[in-house]
């Protein structure tokens, strides 16, 4: 199974609307690890590690997000994981 590491930056109404927690729930259901954190500019960063199909499914879901979210933009960037560091074993929020 091929695995991916992708960083996403989500803009719009995505803070204070349960977006990070919903993303965590979706990631866990897909078996994706990483994190969802608020950024100072009002956007959210999501780092996703997992199988290519699972990361792709979560990437697509980011456009939807939580019920009250209003996603304006999702920017995806592939990340080269440093093999000397362990992969995250959970999906966290911060």
PDB file of N, CA and C in Angstrom:
ATOM      1  N   UNK A   1       0.850  -1.181   0.000  1.00  0.00           N
ATOM      2  CA  UNK A   1       0.000   0.000   0.000  1.00  0.00           C
ATOM      3  C   UNK A   1       0.892   1.239   0.000  1.00  0.00           C
ATOM      4  N   UNK A   2       0.609   2.168  -0.910  1.00  0.00           N
ATOM      5  CA  UNK A   2       1.392   3.396  -0.929  1.00  0.00           C
ATOM      6  C   UNK A   2       0.807   4.372   0.081  1.00  0.00           C
ATOM      7  N   UNK A   3       1.700   5.095   0.746  1.00  0.00           N
ATOM      8  CA  UNK A   3       1.214   6.070   1.713  1.00  0.00           C
ATOM      9  C   UNK A   3       1.652   7.465   1.300  1.00  0.00           C
ATOM     10  N   UNK A   4       0.894   8.429   1.775  1.00  0.00           N
ATOM     11  CA  UNK A   4       1.113   9.826   1.432  1.00  0.00           C
ATOM     12  C   UNK A   4       1.205  10.676   2.684  1.00  0.00           C
ATOM     13  N   UNK A   5       1.850  11.807   2.532  1.00  0.00           N
ATOM     14  CA  UNK A   5       1.819  12.852   3.542  1.00  0.00           C
ATOM     15  C   UNK A   5       1.465  14.138   2.786  1.00  0.00           C
ATOM     16  N   UNK A   6       0.349  14.753   3.195  1.00  0.00           N
ATOM     17  CA  UNK A   6      -0.137  15.952   2.522  1.00  0.00           C
ATOM     18  C   UNK A   6      -0.511  16.982   3.571  1.00  0.00           C
ATOM     19  N   UNK A   7      -0.128  18.239   3.301  1.00  0.00           N
ATOM     20  CA  UNK A   7      -0.534  19.351   4.165  1.00  0.00           C
ATOM     21  C   UNK A   7      -1.588  20.160   3.425  1.00  0.00           C
ATOM     22  N   UNK A   8      -2.665  20.490   4.149  1.00  0.00           N
ATOM     23  CA  UNK A   8      -3.734  21.295   3.572  1.00  0.00           C
ATOM     24  C   UNK A   8      -3.899  22.566   4.386  1.00  0.00           C
ATOM     25  N   UNK A   9      -4.235  23.640   3.696  1.00  0.00           N
ATOM     26  CA  UNK A   9      -4.579  24.908   4.353  1.00  0.00           C
ATOM     27  C   UNK A   9      -5.988  25.249   3.907  1.00  0.00           C
ATOM     28  N   UNK A  10      -6.895  25.359   4.883  1.00  0.00           N
ATOM     29  CA  UNK A  10      -8.301  25.570   4.595  1.00  0.00           C
ATOM     30  C   UNK A  10      -8.695  26.968   5.037  1.00  0.00           C
ATOM     31  N   UNK A  11      -9.292  27.740   4.121  1.00  0.00           N
ATOM     32  CA  UNK A  11      -9.716  29.107   4.418  1.00  0.00           C
ATOM     33  C   UNK A  11     -11.224  29.206   4.323  1.00  0.00           C
ATOM     34  N   UNK A  12     -11.740  30.245   4.950  1.00  0.00           N
ATOM     35  CA  UNK A  12     -13.173  30.500   4.979  1.00  0.00           C
ATOM     36  C   UNK A  12     -13.608  30.606   6.432  1.00  0.00           C
ATOM     37  N   UNK A  13     -14.844  30.265   6.689  1.00  0.00           N
ATOM     38  CA  UNK A  13     -15.343  30.242   8.070  1.00  0.00           C
ATOM     39  C   UNK A  13     -15.066  28.840   8.615  1.00  0.00           C
ATOM     40  N   UNK A  14     -13.843  28.661   9.150  1.00  0.00           N
ATOM     41  CA  UNK A  14     -13.412  27.331   9.591  1.00  0.00           C
ATOM     42  C   UNK A  14     -12.891  27.320  11.031  1.00  0.00           C
ATOM     43  N   UNK A  15     -12.925  28.459  11.705  1.00  0.00           N
ATOM     44  CA  UNK A  15     -12.559  28.486  13.122  1.00  0.00           C
ATOM     45  C   UNK A  15     -13.807  28.815  13.930  1.00  0.00           C
ATOM     46  N   UNK A  16     -13.961  28.127  15.061  1.00  0.00           N
ATOM     47  CA  UNK A  16     -15.110  28.354  15.922  1.00  0.00           C
ATOM     48  C   UNK A  16     -16.378  27.681  15.425  1.00  0.00           C
ATOM     49  N   UNK A  17     -16.233  26.722  14.503  1.00  0.00           N
ATOM     50  CA  UNK A  17     -17.404  26.033  13.943  1.00  0.00           C
ATOM     51  C   UNK A  17     -17.254  24.510  14.009  1.00  0.00           C
ATOM     52  N   UNK A  18     -16.371  24.036  14.927  1.00  0.00           N
ATOM     53  CA  UNK A  18     -16.179  22.595  15.137  1.00  0.00           C
ATOM     54  C   UNK A  18     -15.467  21.926  13.962  1.00  0.00           C
ATOM     55  N   UNK A  19     -14.754  22.706  13.137  1.00  0.00           N
ATOM     56  CA  UNK A  19     -14.100  22.166  11.942  1.00  0.00           C
ATOM     57  C   UNK A  19     -12.981  21.188  12.291  1.00  0.00           C
ATOM     58  N   UNK A  20     -12.116  21.565  13.239  1.00  0.00           N
ATOM     59  CA  UNK A  20     -10.987  20.693  13.581  1.00  0.00           C
ATOM     60  C   UNK A  20     -11.457  19.372  14.162  1.00  0.00           C
ATOM     61  N   UNK A  21     -12.426  19.424  15.059  1.00  0.00           N
ATOM     62  CA  UNK A  21     -12.922  18.199  15.685  1.00  0.00           C
ATOM     63  C   UNK A  21     -13.614  17.294  14.653  1.00  0.00           C
ATOM     64  N   UNK A  22     -14.388  17.876  13.756  1.00  0.00           N
ATOM     65  CA  UNK A  22     -15.027  17.090  12.694  1.00  0.00           C
ATOM     66  C   UNK A  22     -13.981  16.455  11.780  1.00  0.00           C
ATOM     67  N   UNK A  23     -12.934  17.212  11.492  1.00  0.00           N
ATOM     68  CA  UNK A  23     -11.848  16.682  10.665  1.00  0.00           C
ATOM     69  C   UNK A  23     -11.171  15.515  11.377  1.00  0.00           C
ATOM     70  N   UNK A  24     -10.951  15.655  12.679  1.00  0.00           N
ATOM     71  CA  UNK A  24     -10.353  14.573  13.458  1.00  0.00           C
ATOM     72  C   UNK A  24     -11.235  13.322  13.397  1.00  0.00           C
ATOM     73  N   UNK A  25     -12.523  13.482  13.581  1.00  0.00           N
ATOM     74  CA  UNK A  25     -13.436  12.333  13.542  1.00  0.00           C
ATOM     75  C   UNK A  25     -13.397  11.647  12.179  1.00  0.00           C
ATOM     76  N   UNK A  26     -13.404  12.429  11.104  1.00  0.00           N
ATOM     77  CA  UNK A  26     -13.354  11.864   9.756  1.00  0.00           C
ATOM     78  C   UNK A  26     -12.020  11.162   9.526  1.00  0.00           C
ATOM     79  N   UNK A  27     -10.923  11.788   9.954  1.00  0.00           N
ATOM     80  CA  UNK A  27      -9.591  11.193   9.771  1.00  0.00           C
ATOM     81  C   UNK A  27      -9.499   9.849  10.497  1.00  0.00           C
ATOM     82  N   UNK A  28      -9.966   9.812  11.726  1.00  0.00           N
ATOM     83  CA  UNK A  28      -9.919   8.562  12.506  1.00  0.00           C
ATOM     84  C   UNK A  28     -10.743   7.485  11.802  1.00  0.00           C
ATOM     85  N   UNK A  29     -11.912   7.846  11.287  1.00  0.00           N
ATOM     86  CA  UNK A  29     -12.755   6.857  10.601  1.00  0.00           C
ATOM     87  C   UNK A  29     -12.080   6.314   9.341  1.00  0.00           C
ATOM     88  N   UNK A  30     -11.205   7.118   8.734  1.00  0.00           N
ATOM     89  CA  UNK A  30     -10.491   6.706   7.525  1.00  0.00           C
ATOM     90  C   UNK A  30      -9.140   6.044   7.824  1.00  0.00           C
ATOM     91  N   UNK A  31      -8.689   6.112   9.073  1.00  0.00           N
ATOM     92  CA  UNK A  31      -7.379   5.571   9.415  1.00  0.00           C
ATOM     93  C   UNK A  31      -6.228   6.493   9.061  1.00  0.00           C
ATOM     94  N   UNK A  32      -6.494   7.787   9.010  1.00  0.00           N
ATOM     95  CA  UNK A  32      -5.473   8.791   8.684  1.00  0.00           C
ATOM     96  C   UNK A  32      -4.959   9.407   9.984  1.00  0.00           C
ATOM     97  N   UNK A  33      -3.648   9.591  10.087  1.00  0.00           N
ATOM     98  CA  UNK A  33      -3.057  10.250  11.247  1.00  0.00           C
ATOM     99  C   UNK A  33      -2.573  11.640  10.846  1.00  0.00           C
ATOM    100  N   UNK A  34      -2.230  12.461  11.850  1.00  0.00           N
ATOM    101  CA  UNK A  34      -1.745  13.808  11.581  1.00  0.00           C
ATOM    102  C   UNK A  34      -2.319  14.787  12.575  1.00  0.00           C
ATOM    103  N   UNK A  35      -2.694  15.997  12.079  1.00  0.00           N
ATOM    104  CA  UNK A  35      -3.264  16.997  12.982  1.00  0.00           C
ATOM    105  C   UNK A  35      -4.117  18.009  12.226  1.00  0.00           C
ATOM    106  N   UNK A  36      -4.937  18.720  12.998  1.00  0.00           N
ATOM    107  CA  UNK A  36      -5.688  19.879  12.510  1.00  0.00           C
ATOM    108  C   UNK A  36      -5.473  20.984  13.529  1.00  0.00           C
ATOM    109  N   UNK A  37      -4.896  22.108  13.082  1.00  0.00           N
ATOM    110  CA  UNK A  37      -4.601  23.203  14.006  1.00  0.00           C
ATOM    111  C   UNK A  37      -5.082  24.529  13.420  1.00  0.00           C
ATOM    112  N   UNK A  38      -5.511  25.427  14.308  1.00  0.00           N
ATOM    113  CA  UNK A  38      -5.870  26.775  13.898  1.00  0.00           C
ATOM    114  C   UNK A  38      -4.603  27.569  13.617  1.00  0.00           C
ATOM    115  N   UNK A  39      -4.655  28.407  12.585  1.00  0.00           N
ATOM    116  CA  UNK A  39      -3.562  29.312  12.273  1.00  0.00           C
ATOM    117  C   UNK A  39      -4.006  30.737  12.611  1.00  0.00           C
ATOM    118  N   UNK A  40      -3.034  31.597  12.856  1.00  0.00           N
ATOM    119  CA  UNK A  40      -3.325  32.965  13.300  1.00  0.00           C
ATOM    120  C   UNK A  40      -4.146  33.770  12.301  1.00  0.00           C
ATOM    121  N   UNK A  41      -4.077  33.437  11.026  1.00  0.00           N
ATOM    122  CA  UNK A  41      -4.800  34.211  10.008  1.00  0.00           C
ATOM    123  C   UNK A  41      -6.257  33.777   9.861  1.00  0.00           C
ATOM    124  N   UNK A  42      -6.717  32.845  10.713  1.00  0.00           N
ATOM    125  CA  UNK A  42      -8.110  32.392  10.659  1.00  0.00           C
ATOM    126  C   UNK A  42      -8.317  31.129   9.856  1.00  0.00           C
ATOM    127  N   UNK A  43      -7.258  30.630   9.233  1.00  0.00           N
ATOM    128  CA  UNK A  43      -7.370  29.384   8.472  1.00  0.00           C
ATOM    129  C   UNK A  43      -7.022  28.200   9.374  1.00  0.00           C
ATOM    130  N   UNK A  44      -7.167  27.002   8.832  1.00  0.00           N
ATOM    131  CA  UNK A  44      -6.841  25.768   9.551  1.00  0.00           C
ATOM    132  C   UNK A  44      -5.832  24.988   8.722  1.00  0.00           C
ATOM    133  N   UNK A  45      -4.813  24.439   9.397  1.00  0.00           N
ATOM    134  CA  UNK A  45      -3.848  23.552   8.749  1.00  0.00           C
ATOM    135  C   UNK A  45      -4.187  22.126   9.120  1.00  0.00           C
ATOM    136  N   UNK A  46      -4.235  21.255   8.116  1.00  0.00           N
ATOM    137  CA  UNK A  46      -4.466  19.833   8.340  1.00  0.00           C
ATOM    138  C   UNK A  46      -3.292  19.083   7.734  1.00  0.00           C
ATOM    139  N   UNK A  47      -2.634  18.272   8.549  1.00  0.00           N
ATOM    140  CA  UNK A  47      -1.543  17.422   8.090  1.00  0.00           C
ATOM    141  C   UNK A  47      -2.065  15.996   8.090  1.00  0.00           C
ATOM    142  N   UNK A  48      -1.947  15.317   6.949  1.00  0.00           N
ATOM    143  CA  UNK A  48      -2.538  13.989   6.777  1.00  0.00           C
ATOM    144  C   UNK A  48      -1.479  12.970   6.383  1.00  0.00           C
ATOM    145  N   UNK A  49      -1.396  11.873   7.122  1.00  0.00           N
ATOM    146  CA  UNK A  49      -0.528  10.740   6.806  1.00  0.00           C
ATOM    147  C   UNK A  49      -1.412   9.513   6.652  1.00  0.00           C
ATOM    148  N   UNK A  50      -1.211   8.750   5.592  1.00  0.00           N
ATOM    149  CA  UNK A  50      -1.975   7.517   5.458  1.00  0.00           C
ATOM    150  C   UNK A  50      -1.911   6.980   4.050  1.00  0.00           C
ATOM    151  N   UNK A  51      -2.736   5.970   3.808  1.00  0.00           N
ATOM    152  CA  UNK A  51      -2.836   5.385   2.486  1.00  0.00           C
ATOM    153  C   UNK A  51      -3.332   6.414   1.490  1.00  0.00           C
ATOM    154  N   UNK A  52      -2.902   6.273   0.246  1.00  0.00           N
ATOM    155  CA  UNK A  52      -3.246   7.251  -0.786  1.00  0.00           C
ATOM    156  C   UNK A  52      -4.756   7.438  -0.907  1.00  0.00           C
ATOM    157  N   UNK A  53      -5.521   6.367  -0.896  1.00  0.00           N
ATOM    158  CA  UNK A  53      -6.977   6.481  -1.039  1.00  0.00           C
ATOM    159  C   UNK A  53      -7.597   7.181   0.168  1.00  0.00           C
ATOM    160  N   UNK A  54      -7.094   6.895   1.361  1.00  0.00           N
ATOM    161  CA  UNK A  54      -7.639   7.491   2.578  1.00  0.00           C
ATOM    162  C   UNK A  54      -7.318   8.980   2.650  1.00  0.00           C
ATOM    163  N   UNK A  55      -6.076   9.346   2.329  1.00  0.00           N
ATOM    164  CA  UNK A  55      -5.684  10.763   2.329  1.00  0.00           C
ATOM    165  C   UNK A  55      -6.478  11.522   1.271  1.00  0.00           C
ATOM    166  N   UNK A  56      -6.682  10.911   0.103  1.00  0.00           N
ATOM    167  CA  UNK A  56      -7.468  11.553  -0.939  1.00  0.00           C
ATOM    168  C   UNK A  56      -8.911  11.758  -0.470  1.00  0.00           C
ATOM    169  N   UNK A  57      -9.483  10.761   0.193  1.00  0.00           N
ATOM    170  CA  UNK A  57     -10.861  10.884   0.693  1.00  0.00           C
ATOM    171  C   UNK A  57     -10.967  12.015   1.717  1.00  0.00           C
ATOM    172  N   UNK A  58      -9.997  12.112   2.627  1.00  0.00           N
ATOM    173  CA  UNK A  58     -10.028  13.189   3.618  1.00  0.00           C
ATOM    174  C   UNK A  58      -9.806  14.541   2.941  1.00  0.00           C
ATOM    175  N   UNK A  59      -8.928  14.591   1.962  1.00  0.00           N
ATOM    176  CA  UNK A  59      -8.679  15.843   1.224  1.00  0.00           C
ATOM    177  C   UNK A  59      -9.963  16.350   0.579  1.00  0.00           C
ATOM    178  N   UNK A  60     -10.723  15.451  -0.008  1.00  0.00           N
ATOM    179  CA  UNK A  60     -11.998  15.838  -0.623  1.00  0.00           C
ATOM    180  C   UNK A  60     -13.002  16.289   0.434  1.00  0.00           C
ATOM    181  N   UNK A  61     -13.033  15.584   1.571  1.00  0.00           N
ATOM    182  CA  UNK A  61     -13.965  15.907   2.650  1.00  0.00           C
ATOM    183  C   UNK A  61     -13.697  17.289   3.236  1.00  0.00           C
ATOM    184  N   UNK A  62     -12.440  17.754   3.193  1.00  0.00           N
ATOM    185  CA  UNK A  62     -12.096  19.063   3.760  1.00  0.00           C
ATOM    186  C   UNK A  62     -12.927  20.189   3.158  1.00  0.00           C
ATOM    187  N   UNK A  63     -13.389  20.022   1.926  1.00  0.00           N
ATOM    188  CA  UNK A  63     -14.247  21.038   1.297  1.00  0.00           C
ATOM    189  C   UNK A  63     -15.597  21.132   1.999  1.00  0.00           C
ATOM    190  N   UNK A  64     -16.028  20.061   2.637  1.00  0.00           N
ATOM    191  CA  UNK A  64     -17.314  20.033   3.333  1.00  0.00           C
ATOM    192  C   UNK A  64     -17.136  20.503   4.770  1.00  0.00           C
ATOM    193  N   UNK A  65     -16.323  19.784   5.528  1.00  0.00           N
ATOM    194  CA  UNK A  65     -16.071  20.147   6.914  1.00  0.00           C
ATOM    195  C   UNK A  65     -17.285  19.982   7.799  1.00  0.00           C
ATOM    196  N   UNK A  66     -17.289  20.704   8.893  1.00  0.00           N
ATOM    197  CA  UNK A  66     -18.384  20.619   9.857  1.00  0.00           C
ATOM    198  C   UNK A  66     -19.636  21.307   9.314  1.00  0.00           C
ATOM    199  N   UNK A  67     -20.738  21.068   9.990  1.00  0.00           N
ATOM    200  CA  UNK A  67     -22.031  21.580   9.531  1.00  0.00           C
ATOM    201  C   UNK A  67     -22.054  23.098   9.358  1.00  0.00           C
ATOM    202  N   UNK A  68     -21.431  23.837  10.288  1.00  0.00           N
ATOM    203  CA  UNK A  68     -21.468  25.297  10.245  1.00  0.00           C
ATOM    204  C   UNK A  68     -20.301  25.929   9.487  1.00  0.00           C
ATOM    205  N   UNK A  69     -19.385  25.110   8.993  1.00  0.00           N
ATOM    206  CA  UNK A  69     -18.233  25.645   8.261  1.00  0.00           C
ATOM    207  C   UNK A  69     -18.667  26.164   6.889  1.00  0.00           C
ATOM    208  N   UNK A  70     -17.935  27.166   6.427  1.00  0.00           N
ATOM    209  CA  UNK A  70     -18.117  27.688   5.071  1.00  0.00           C
ATOM    210  C   UNK A  70     -16.730  27.739   4.431  1.00  0.00           C
ATOM    211  N   UNK A  71     -16.363  26.664   3.782  1.00  0.00           N
ATOM    212  CA  UNK A  71     -15.024  26.533   3.210  1.00  0.00           C
ATOM    213  C   UNK A  71     -14.948  27.316   1.910  1.00  0.00           C
ATOM    214  N   UNK A  72     -13.973  28.210   1.839  1.00  0.00           N
ATOM    215  CA  UNK A  72     -13.762  29.023   0.634  1.00  0.00           C
ATOM    216  C   UNK A  72     -12.653  28.446  -0.230  1.00  0.00           C
ATOM    217  N   UNK A  73     -11.649  27.829   0.407  1.00  0.00           N
ATOM    218  CA  UNK A  73     -10.475  27.382  -0.345  1.00  0.00           C
ATOM    219  C   UNK A  73      -9.780  26.259   0.408  1.00  0.00           C
ATOM    220  N   UNK A  74      -9.313  25.255  -0.336  1.00  0.00           N
ATOM    221  CA  UNK A  74      -8.480  24.180   0.216  1.00  0.00           C
ATOM    222  C   UNK A  74      -7.232  24.106  -0.664  1.00  0.00           C
ATOM    223  N   UNK A  75      -6.080  24.393  -0.059  1.00  0.00           N
ATOM    224  CA  UNK A  75      -4.809  24.315  -0.780  1.00  0.00           C
ATOM    225  C   UNK A  75      -4.062  23.091  -0.282  1.00  0.00           C
ATOM    226  N   UNK A  76      -3.661  22.215  -1.199  1.00  0.00           N
ATOM    227  CA  UNK A  76      -2.963  20.985  -0.842  1.00  0.00           C
ATOM    228  C   UNK A  76      -1.506  21.057  -1.273  1.00  0.00           C
ATOM    229  N   UNK A  77      -0.643  20.535  -0.422  1.00  0.00           N
ATOM    230  CA  UNK A  77       0.793  20.531  -0.700  1.00  0.00           C
ATOM    231  C   UNK A  77       1.375  19.188  -0.252  1.00  0.00           C
ATOM    232  N   UNK A  78       1.973  18.419  -1.171  1.00  0.00           N
ATOM    233  CA  UNK A  78       2.626  17.174  -0.764  1.00  0.00           C
ATOM    234  C   UNK A  78       3.801  17.487   0.165  1.00  0.00           C
ATOM    235  N   UNK A  79       4.021  16.630   1.145  1.00  0.00           N
ATOM    236  CA  UNK A  79       5.101  16.811   2.110  1.00  0.00           C
ATOM    237  C   UNK A  79       6.001  15.583   2.053  1.00  0.00           C
ATOM    238  N   UNK A  80       7.299  15.806   1.980  1.00  0.00           N
ATOM    239  CA  UNK A  80       8.249  14.709   2.071  1.00  0.00           C
ATOM    240  C   UNK A  80       8.548  14.465   3.537  1.00  0.00           C
ATOM    241  N   UNK A  81       8.159  13.297   4.014  1.00  0.00           N
ATOM    242  CA  UNK A  81       8.364  12.986   5.427  1.00  0.00           C
ATOM    243  C   UNK A  81       9.828  12.640   5.685  1.00  0.00           C
ATOM    244  N   UNK A  82      10.368  13.197   6.750  1.00  0.00           N
ATOM    245  CA  UNK A  82      11.728  12.890   7.183  1.00  0.00           C
ATOM    246  C   UNK A  82      11.727  11.478   7.772  1.00  0.00           C
ATOM    247  N   UNK A  83      12.347  10.543   7.068  1.00  0.00           N
ATOM    248  CA  UNK A  83      12.319   9.132   7.473  1.00  0.00           C
ATOM    249  C   UNK A  83      12.971   8.895   8.832  1.00  0.00           C
ATOM    250  N   UNK A  84      13.762   9.846   9.322  1.00  0.00           N
ATOM    251  CA  UNK A  84      14.396   9.665  10.629  1.00  0.00           C
ATOM    252  C   UNK A  84      13.432   9.975  11.776  1.00  0.00           C
ATOM    253  N   UNK A  85      12.275  10.536  11.449  1.00  0.00           N
ATOM    254  CA  UNK A  85      11.276  10.864  12.476  1.00  0.00           C
ATOM    255  C   UNK A  85      10.111   9.891  12.375  1.00  0.00           C
ATOM    256  N   UNK A  86       9.538   9.513  13.512  1.00  0.00           N
ATOM    257  CA  UNK A  86       8.405   8.584  13.461  1.00  0.00           C
ATOM    258  C   UNK A  86       7.151   9.275  12.915  1.00  0.00           C
ATOM    259  N   UNK A  87       6.324   8.479  12.249  1.00  0.00           N
ATOM    260  CA  UNK A  87       5.037   8.992  11.799  1.00  0.00           C
ATOM    261  C   UNK A  87       4.112   9.145  12.981  1.00  0.00           C
ATOM    262  N   UNK A  88       3.190  10.084  12.956  1.00  0.00           N
ATOM    263  CA  UNK A  88       2.247  10.202  14.065  1.00  0.00           C
ATOM    264  C   UNK A  88       1.371   8.941  14.137  1.00  0.00           C
ATOM    265  N   UNK A  89       1.021   8.553  15.357  1.00  0.00           N
ATOM    266  CA  UNK A  89       0.185   7.353  15.513  1.00  0.00           C
ATOM    267  C   UNK A  89      -1.251   7.687  15.838  1.00  0.00           C
ATOM    268  N   UNK A  90      -1.614   8.969  15.762  1.00  0.00           N
ATOM    269  CA  UNK A  90      -2.978   9.413  16.039  1.00  0.00           C
ATOM    270  C   UNK A  90      -3.250  10.670  15.234  1.00  0.00           C
ATOM    271  N   UNK A  91      -4.482  11.145  15.275  1.00  0.00           N
ATOM    272  CA  UNK A  91      -4.840  12.415  14.651  1.00  0.00           C
ATOM    273  C   UNK A  91      -5.238  13.356  15.784  1.00  0.00           C
ATOM    274  N   UNK A  92      -4.499  14.452  15.905  1.00  0.00           N
ATOM    275  CA  UNK A  92      -4.716  15.371  17.028  1.00  0.00           C
ATOM    276  C   UNK A  92      -5.234  16.723  16.533  1.00  0.00           C
ATOM    277  N   UNK A  93      -5.770  17.495  17.466  1.00  0.00           N
ATOM    278  CA  UNK A  93      -6.170  18.864  17.180  1.00  0.00           C
ATOM    279  C   UNK A  93      -5.430  19.782  18.117  1.00  0.00           C
ATOM    280  N   UNK A  94      -5.256  21.014  17.705  1.00  0.00           N
ATOM    281  CA  UNK A  94      -4.544  21.963  18.548  1.00  0.00           C
ATOM    282  C   UNK A  94      -4.963  23.372  18.242  1.00  0.00           C
TER     283      UNK A  94
END
